[in-house]
Amino acid sequence: MAKVLLVAGDATESLDTWYPYHRLREEGIEARIAAPAKKVLNSVIHDFEPGWDTYVEKPGYRIPADIAFADVEPERYDGIILSGGRAPEYLRNDPRLQKIVRHFVERQKPIAALCHGSLILAAVDAIRGRTISTFEALAPDMERAGAKFKNTEVVVDGNLVTSRTWMDLPFFMREFLKVLRASEKIRSAAG
């Protein structure tokens, strides 16, 4: 059975975390939520209100983290998903998470980042020369980090799957699951 690490923290976006978690489990894939500490996380709900120039934030579901970054053995996982929300703004600075993400980058394992999750990839210099989709307001940051921004529901660039917001989750997960399955076939054939 494949295993996927789902990265979250306080202020993770509820749908960005729960939707992939449940989709993975529906497919028979083990999903483990990793955070700075093994605790119950406070998530948020981002929504777009008429008349506002940016999204609004409301309290979301509580999400139990299965494992702390310090206890993650990345070699035991077949893929990683970097959830969005405000959490990536501080998670990207965590050296333990940076080490985990670099493992997936260096071994070209399936990586997915939704919305602000792309900030974590930029922090470990994993998007230079890649094409990505992310929350549109982050486009200048991604371009400064060397990525080509594409404002579309999902972008697949090799082992990397990226999307803009929770509204793109069906496309995001469809493509991540394809990349994960292809990776499993390659691993089985090499096995």
C-alpha atoms as a PDB file:
ATOM      1  CA  MET A   1       0.000   0.000   0.000  1.00  0.00           C
ATOM      2  CA  ALA A   2       1.296   3.440  -0.920  1.00  0.00           C
ATOM      3  CA  LYS A   3       1.942   5.961   1.850  1.00  0.00           C
ATOM      4  CA  VAL A   4       1.613   9.718   1.452  1.00  0.00           C
ATOM      5  CA  LEU A   5       2.715  12.420   3.872  1.00  0.00           C
ATOM      6  CA  LEU A   6       0.300  15.343   4.102  1.00  0.00           C
ATOM      7  CA  VAL A   7       1.971  18.451   5.551  1.00  0.00           C
ATOM      8  CA  ALA A   8      -0.148  20.846   7.638  1.00  0.00           C
ATOM      9  CA  GLY A   9       0.080  23.195  10.608  1.00  0.00           C
ATOM     10  CA  ASP A  10      -2.082  25.608  12.545  1.00  0.00           C
ATOM     11  CA  ALA A  11      -3.954  27.826  10.054  1.00  0.00           C
ATOM     12  CA  THR A  12      -3.858  25.148   7.375  1.00  0.00           C
ATOM     13  CA  GLU A  13      -6.841  25.514   5.038  1.00  0.00           C
ATOM     14  CA  SER A  14      -9.515  22.954   6.006  1.00  0.00           C
ATOM     15  CA  LEU A  15     -10.408  21.764   2.513  1.00  0.00           C
ATOM     16  CA  ASP A  16      -6.786  21.795   1.355  1.00  0.00           C
ATOM     17  CA  THR A  17      -6.054  19.244   4.066  1.00  0.00           C
ATOM     18  CA  TRP A  18      -9.195  17.160   4.568  1.00  0.00           C
ATOM     19  CA  TYR A  19     -10.054  16.679   0.891  1.00  0.00           C
ATOM     20  CA  PRO A  20      -6.683  15.116  -0.064  1.00  0.00           C
ATOM     21  CA  TYR A  21      -6.659  13.097   3.164  1.00  0.00           C
ATOM     22  CA  HIS A  22     -10.045  11.507   2.447  1.00  0.00           C
ATOM     23  CA  ARG A  23      -9.362  11.037  -1.297  1.00  0.00           C
ATOM     24  CA  LEU A  24      -6.154   9.180  -0.531  1.00  0.00           C
ATOM     25  CA  ARG A  25      -7.896   6.927   1.982  1.00  0.00           C
ATOM     26  CA  GLU A  26     -10.715   6.307  -0.495  1.00  0.00           C
ATOM     27  CA  GLU A  27      -8.073   4.998  -2.926  1.00  0.00           C
ATOM     28  CA  GLY A  28      -6.616   2.660  -0.282  1.00  0.00           C
ATOM     29  CA  ILE A  29      -3.557   4.854   0.220  1.00  0.00           C
ATOM     30  CA  GLU A  30      -2.260   5.461   3.733  1.00  0.00           C
ATOM     31  CA  ALA A  31      -2.274   9.185   4.501  1.00  0.00           C
ATOM     32  CA  ARG A  32      -0.438  10.602   7.510  1.00  0.00           C
ATOM     33  CA  ILE A  33      -0.758  14.221   8.552  1.00  0.00           C
ATOM     34  CA  ALA A  34       2.596  15.679   9.589  1.00  0.00           C
ATOM     35  CA  ALA A  35       2.990  18.929  11.521  1.00  0.00           C
ATOM     36  CA  PRO A  36       5.601  20.670  13.690  1.00  0.00           C
ATOM     37  CA  ALA A  37       4.218  18.705  16.671  1.00  0.00           C
ATOM     38  CA  LYS A  38       1.854  15.774  17.073  1.00  0.00           C
ATOM     39  CA  LYS A  39      -1.204  17.682  18.269  1.00  0.00           C
ATOM     40  CA  VAL A  40      -4.645  18.792  17.182  1.00  0.00           C
ATOM     41  CA  LEU A  41      -4.273  21.562  14.597  1.00  0.00           C
ATOM     42  CA  ASN A  42      -6.585  24.546  14.243  1.00  0.00           C
ATOM     43  CA  SER A  43      -7.482  24.917  10.596  1.00  0.00           C
ATOM     44  CA  VAL A  44      -9.071  27.831   8.779  1.00  0.00           C
ATOM     45  CA  ILE A  45     -11.589  28.253   5.987  1.00  0.00           C
ATOM     46  CA  HIS A  46     -10.726  30.700   3.240  1.00  0.00           C
ATOM     47  CA  ASP A  47     -13.569  32.145   1.241  1.00  0.00           C
ATOM     48  CA  PHE A  48     -14.142  34.976  -1.176  1.00  0.00           C
ATOM     49  CA  GLU A  49     -16.638  37.637  -0.122  1.00  0.00           C
ATOM     50  CA  PRO A  50     -18.199  40.129  -2.529  1.00  0.00           C
ATOM     51  CA  GLY A  51     -16.518  43.522  -2.244  1.00  0.00           C
ATOM     52  CA  TRP A  52     -13.310  42.162  -0.653  1.00  0.00           C
ATOM     53  CA  ASP A  53     -10.028  42.448  -2.553  1.00  0.00           C
ATOM     54  CA  THR A  54      -8.683  39.240  -1.022  1.00  0.00           C
ATOM     55  CA  TYR A  55      -9.983  36.162   0.747  1.00  0.00           C
ATOM     56  CA  VAL A  56     -11.467  36.158   4.241  1.00  0.00           C
ATOM     57  CA  GLU A  57     -10.507  33.682   6.925  1.00  0.00           C
ATOM     58  CA  LYS A  58     -12.823  31.882   9.343  1.00  0.00           C
ATOM     59  CA  PRO A  59     -12.166  29.144  11.921  1.00  0.00           C
ATOM     60  CA  GLY A  60     -12.244  25.666  10.403  1.00  0.00           C
ATOM     61  CA  TYR A  61     -12.220  22.050  11.526  1.00  0.00           C
ATOM     62  CA  ARG A  62      -9.777  20.724  14.074  1.00  0.00           C
ATOM     63  CA  ILE A  63      -7.321  18.327  12.443  1.00  0.00           C
ATOM     64  CA  PRO A  64      -5.281  15.810  14.430  1.00  0.00           C
ATOM     65  CA  ALA A  65      -1.665  15.543  13.277  1.00  0.00           C
ATOM     66  CA  ASP A  66      -0.465  11.934  13.176  1.00  0.00           C
ATOM     67  CA  ILE A  67       3.241  12.645  13.371  1.00  0.00           C
ATOM     68  CA  ALA A  68       5.683  15.439  14.225  1.00  0.00           C
ATOM     69  CA  PHE A  69       8.223  16.535  11.614  1.00  0.00           C
ATOM     70  CA  ALA A  70      11.027  15.361  13.921  1.00  0.00           C
ATOM     71  CA  ASP A  71       9.660  11.796  13.777  1.00  0.00           C
ATOM     72  CA  VAL A  72       9.102  11.594  10.014  1.00  0.00           C
ATOM     73  CA  GLU A  73      11.269   9.105   8.129  1.00  0.00           C
ATOM     74  CA  PRO A  74      10.720  10.409   4.586  1.00  0.00           C
ATOM     75  CA  GLU A  75      12.097   7.270   2.957  1.00  0.00           C
ATOM     76  CA  ARG A  76       8.993   5.430   4.244  1.00  0.00           C
ATOM     77  CA  TYR A  77       6.676   7.616   2.101  1.00  0.00           C
ATOM     78  CA  ASP A  78       5.923   7.415  -1.600  1.00  0.00           C
ATOM     79  CA  GLY A  79       4.684  10.989  -2.019  1.00  0.00           C
ATOM     80  CA  ILE A  80       4.068  14.271  -0.227  1.00  0.00           C
ATOM     81  CA  ILE A  81       1.291  16.871  -0.332  1.00  0.00           C
ATOM     82  CA  LEU A  82       1.896  20.404   0.928  1.00  0.00           C
ATOM     83  CA  SER A  83      -1.426  21.820   2.074  1.00  0.00           C
ATOM     84  CA  GLY A  84      -2.306  25.498   1.692  1.00  0.00           C
ATOM     85  CA  GLY A  85      -3.675  28.142   4.027  1.00  0.00           C
ATOM     86  CA  ARG A  86      -1.470  30.408   6.123  1.00  0.00           C
ATOM     87  CA  ALA A  87       0.474  27.507   7.650  1.00  0.00           C
ATOM     88  CA  PRO A  88       3.095  27.376   4.849  1.00  0.00           C
ATOM     89  CA  GLU A  89       4.107  30.964   5.671  1.00  0.00           C
ATOM     90  CA  TYR A  90       5.814  29.712   8.842  1.00  0.00           C
ATOM     91  CA  LEU A  91       6.256  26.011   8.013  1.00  0.00           C
ATOM     92  CA  ARG A  92       8.635  26.895   5.162  1.00  0.00           C
ATOM     93  CA  ASN A  93      11.175  28.083   7.748  1.00  0.00           C
ATOM     94  CA  ASP A  94      11.201  24.808   9.714  1.00  0.00           C
ATOM     95  CA  PRO A  95      14.544  23.051   9.042  1.00  0.00           C
ATOM     96  CA  ARG A  96      13.008  19.648   9.841  1.00  0.00           C
ATOM     97  CA  LEU A  97      10.361  20.141   7.153  1.00  0.00           C
ATOM     98  CA  GLN A  98      12.924  21.482   4.705  1.00  0.00           C
ATOM     99  CA  LYS A  99      14.930  18.278   5.142  1.00  0.00           C
ATOM    100  CA  ILE A 100      11.806  16.157   4.544  1.00  0.00           C
ATOM    101  CA  VAL A 101      10.849  18.067   1.392  1.00  0.00           C
ATOM    102  CA  ARG A 102      14.403  17.908   0.029  1.00  0.00           C
ATOM    103  CA  HIS A 103      14.229  14.108   0.320  1.00  0.00           C
ATOM    104  CA  PHE A 104      11.249  14.053  -2.051  1.00  0.00           C
ATOM    105  CA  VAL A 105      12.843  16.586  -4.394  1.00  0.00           C
ATOM    106  CA  GLU A 106      16.193  14.780  -4.601  1.00  0.00           C
ATOM    107  CA  ARG A 107      14.589  11.368  -5.175  1.00  0.00           C
ATOM    108  CA  GLN A 108      12.024  12.785  -7.613  1.00  0.00           C
ATOM    109  CA  LYS A 109       9.139  11.264  -5.691  1.00  0.00           C
ATOM    110  CA  PRO A 110       5.618  12.633  -6.308  1.00  0.00           C
ATOM    111  CA  ILE A 111       5.190  16.101  -4.784  1.00  0.00           C
ATOM    112  CA  ALA A 112       1.990  18.147  -4.713  1.00  0.00           C
ATOM    113  CA  ALA A 113       1.495  21.697  -3.468  1.00  0.00           C
ATOM    114  CA  LEU A 114      -1.783  23.519  -3.222  1.00  0.00           C
ATOM    115  CA  CYS A 115      -2.201  27.274  -2.881  1.00  0.00           C
ATOM    116  CA  HIS A 116       0.333  28.663  -0.375  1.00  0.00           C
ATOM    117  CA  GLY A 117       2.015  25.234  -0.139  1.00  0.00           C
ATOM    118  CA  SER A 118       4.188  26.440  -3.020  1.00  0.00           C
ATOM    119  CA  LEU A 119       5.976  28.720  -0.526  1.00  0.00           C
ATOM    120  CA  ILE A 120       7.523  25.608   1.043  1.00  0.00           C
ATOM    121  CA  LEU A 121       8.846  24.484  -2.333  1.00  0.00           C
ATOM    122  CA  ALA A 122      10.297  27.934  -3.010  1.00  0.00           C
ATOM    123  CA  ALA A 123      12.034  27.873   0.396  1.00  0.00           C
ATOM    124  CA  VAL A 124      13.993  24.744  -0.568  1.00  0.00           C
ATOM    125  CA  ASP A 125      14.709  25.980  -4.122  1.00  0.00           C
ATOM    126  CA  ALA A 126      12.572  23.201  -5.636  1.00  0.00           C
ATOM    127  CA  ILE A 127      10.712  25.216  -8.296  1.00  0.00           C
ATOM    128  CA  ARG A 128      13.539  26.867 -10.228  1.00  0.00           C
ATOM    129  CA  GLY A 129      12.943  26.080 -13.902  1.00  0.00           C
ATOM    130  CA  ARG A 130       9.570  24.435 -13.201  1.00  0.00           C
ATOM    131  CA  THR A 131       6.077  25.469 -14.287  1.00  0.00           C
ATOM    132  CA  ILE A 132       3.594  25.741 -11.444  1.00  0.00           C
ATOM    133  CA  SER A 133       0.124  26.907 -10.545  1.00  0.00           C
ATOM    134  CA  THR A 134      -0.467  28.573  -7.192  1.00  0.00           C
ATOM    135  CA  PHE A 135      -2.648  31.217  -5.579  1.00  0.00           C
ATOM    136  CA  GLU A 136      -2.433  34.091  -8.059  1.00  0.00           C
ATOM    137  CA  ALA A 137      -1.196  36.620  -5.474  1.00  0.00           C
ATOM    138  CA  LEU A 138       1.931  34.439  -5.031  1.00  0.00           C
ATOM    139  CA  ALA A 139       2.860  34.517  -8.718  1.00  0.00           C
ATOM    140  CA  PRO A 140       5.547  37.241  -8.284  1.00  0.00           C
ATOM    141  CA  ASP A 141       7.134  35.278  -5.406  1.00  0.00           C
ATOM    142  CA  MET A 142       7.188  32.081  -7.458  1.00  0.00           C
ATOM    143  CA  GLU A 143       8.665  33.852 -10.473  1.00  0.00           C
ATOM    144  CA  ARG A 144      11.408  35.376  -8.278  1.00  0.00           C
ATOM    145  CA  ALA A 145      12.119  31.828  -7.069  1.00  0.00           C
ATOM    146  CA  GLY A 146      12.685  30.814 -10.686  1.00  0.00           C
ATOM    147  CA  ALA A 147       9.328  29.212 -11.565  1.00  0.00           C
ATOM    148  CA  LYS A 148       7.053  29.921 -14.484  1.00  0.00           C
ATOM    149  CA  PHE A 149       3.554  30.703 -13.150  1.00  0.00           C
ATOM    150  CA  LYS A 150       0.534  29.386 -15.027  1.00  0.00           C
ATOM    151  CA  ASN A 151      -2.907  30.554 -13.852  1.00  0.00           C
ATOM    152  CA  THR A 152      -4.794  27.295 -14.357  1.00  0.00           C
ATOM    153  CA  GLU A 153      -6.588  24.714 -12.239  1.00  0.00           C
ATOM    154  CA  VAL A 154      -3.657  22.289 -12.195  1.00  0.00           C
ATOM    155  CA  VAL A 155      -0.138  22.006 -13.583  1.00  0.00           C
ATOM    156  CA  VAL A 156       1.801  18.756 -13.802  1.00  0.00           C
ATOM    157  CA  ASP A 157       5.528  19.226 -14.341  1.00  0.00           C
ATOM    158  CA  GLY A 158       7.140  15.795 -14.085  1.00  0.00           C
ATOM    159  CA  ASN A 159       6.736  14.604 -10.492  1.00  0.00           C
ATOM    160  CA  LEU A 160       5.329  17.970  -9.365  1.00  0.00           C
ATOM    161  CA  VAL A 161       1.580  18.688  -9.210  1.00  0.00           C
ATOM    162  CA  THR A 162       0.388  22.190  -8.254  1.00  0.00           C
ATOM    163  CA  SER A 163      -2.929  24.037  -8.075  1.00  0.00           C
ATOM    164  CA  ARG A 164      -4.262  27.471  -7.149  1.00  0.00           C
ATOM    165  CA  THR A 165      -6.891  27.028  -4.404  1.00  0.00           C
ATOM    166  CA  TRP A 166      -9.319  24.605  -2.798  1.00  0.00           C
ATOM    167  CA  MET A 167     -11.650  25.192  -5.758  1.00  0.00           C
ATOM    168  CA  ASP A 168      -9.173  23.208  -7.887  1.00  0.00           C
ATOM    169  CA  LEU A 169      -9.025  20.173  -5.571  1.00  0.00           C
ATOM    170  CA  PRO A 170     -10.768  17.675  -7.901  1.00  0.00           C
ATOM    171  CA  PHE A 171      -8.237  18.388 -10.673  1.00  0.00           C
ATOM    172  CA  PHE A 172      -5.323  18.538  -8.205  1.00  0.00           C
ATOM    173  CA  MET A 173      -6.056  15.150  -6.664  1.00  0.00           C
ATOM    174  CA  ARG A 174      -6.880  13.490 -10.007  1.00  0.00           C
ATOM    175  CA  GLU A 175      -3.445  14.453 -11.328  1.00  0.00           C
ATOM    176  CA  PHE A 176      -1.558  13.706  -8.110  1.00  0.00           C
ATOM    177  CA  LEU A 177      -3.050  10.209  -8.030  1.00  0.00           C
ATOM    178  CA  LYS A 178      -1.931   9.651 -11.645  1.00  0.00           C
ATOM    179  CA  VAL A 179       1.628  10.755 -10.811  1.00  0.00           C
ATOM    180  CA  LEU A 180       1.653   8.596  -7.661  1.00  0.00           C
ATOM    181  CA  ARG A 181       0.415   5.498  -9.548  1.00  0.00           C
ATOM    182  CA  ALA A 182       2.984   6.008 -12.319  1.00  0.00           C
ATOM    183  CA  SER A 183       5.720   6.284  -9.683  1.00  0.00           C
ATOM    184  CA  GLU A 184       4.520   3.059  -8.025  1.00  0.00           C
ATOM    185  CA  LYS A 185       4.665   1.219 -11.367  1.00  0.00           C
ATOM    186  CA  ILE A 186       8.220   2.419 -11.971  1.00  0.00           C
ATOM    187  CA  ARG A 187       9.236   1.367  -8.440  1.00  0.00           C
ATOM    188  CA  SER A 188       7.594  -2.070  -8.884  1.00  0.00           C
ATOM    189  CA  ALA A 189       9.329  -2.638 -12.214  1.00  0.00           C
ATOM    190  CA  ALA A 190      12.703  -1.679 -10.706  1.00  0.00           C
ATOM    191  CA  GLY A 191      11.956  -3.706  -7.610  1.00  0.00           C
END
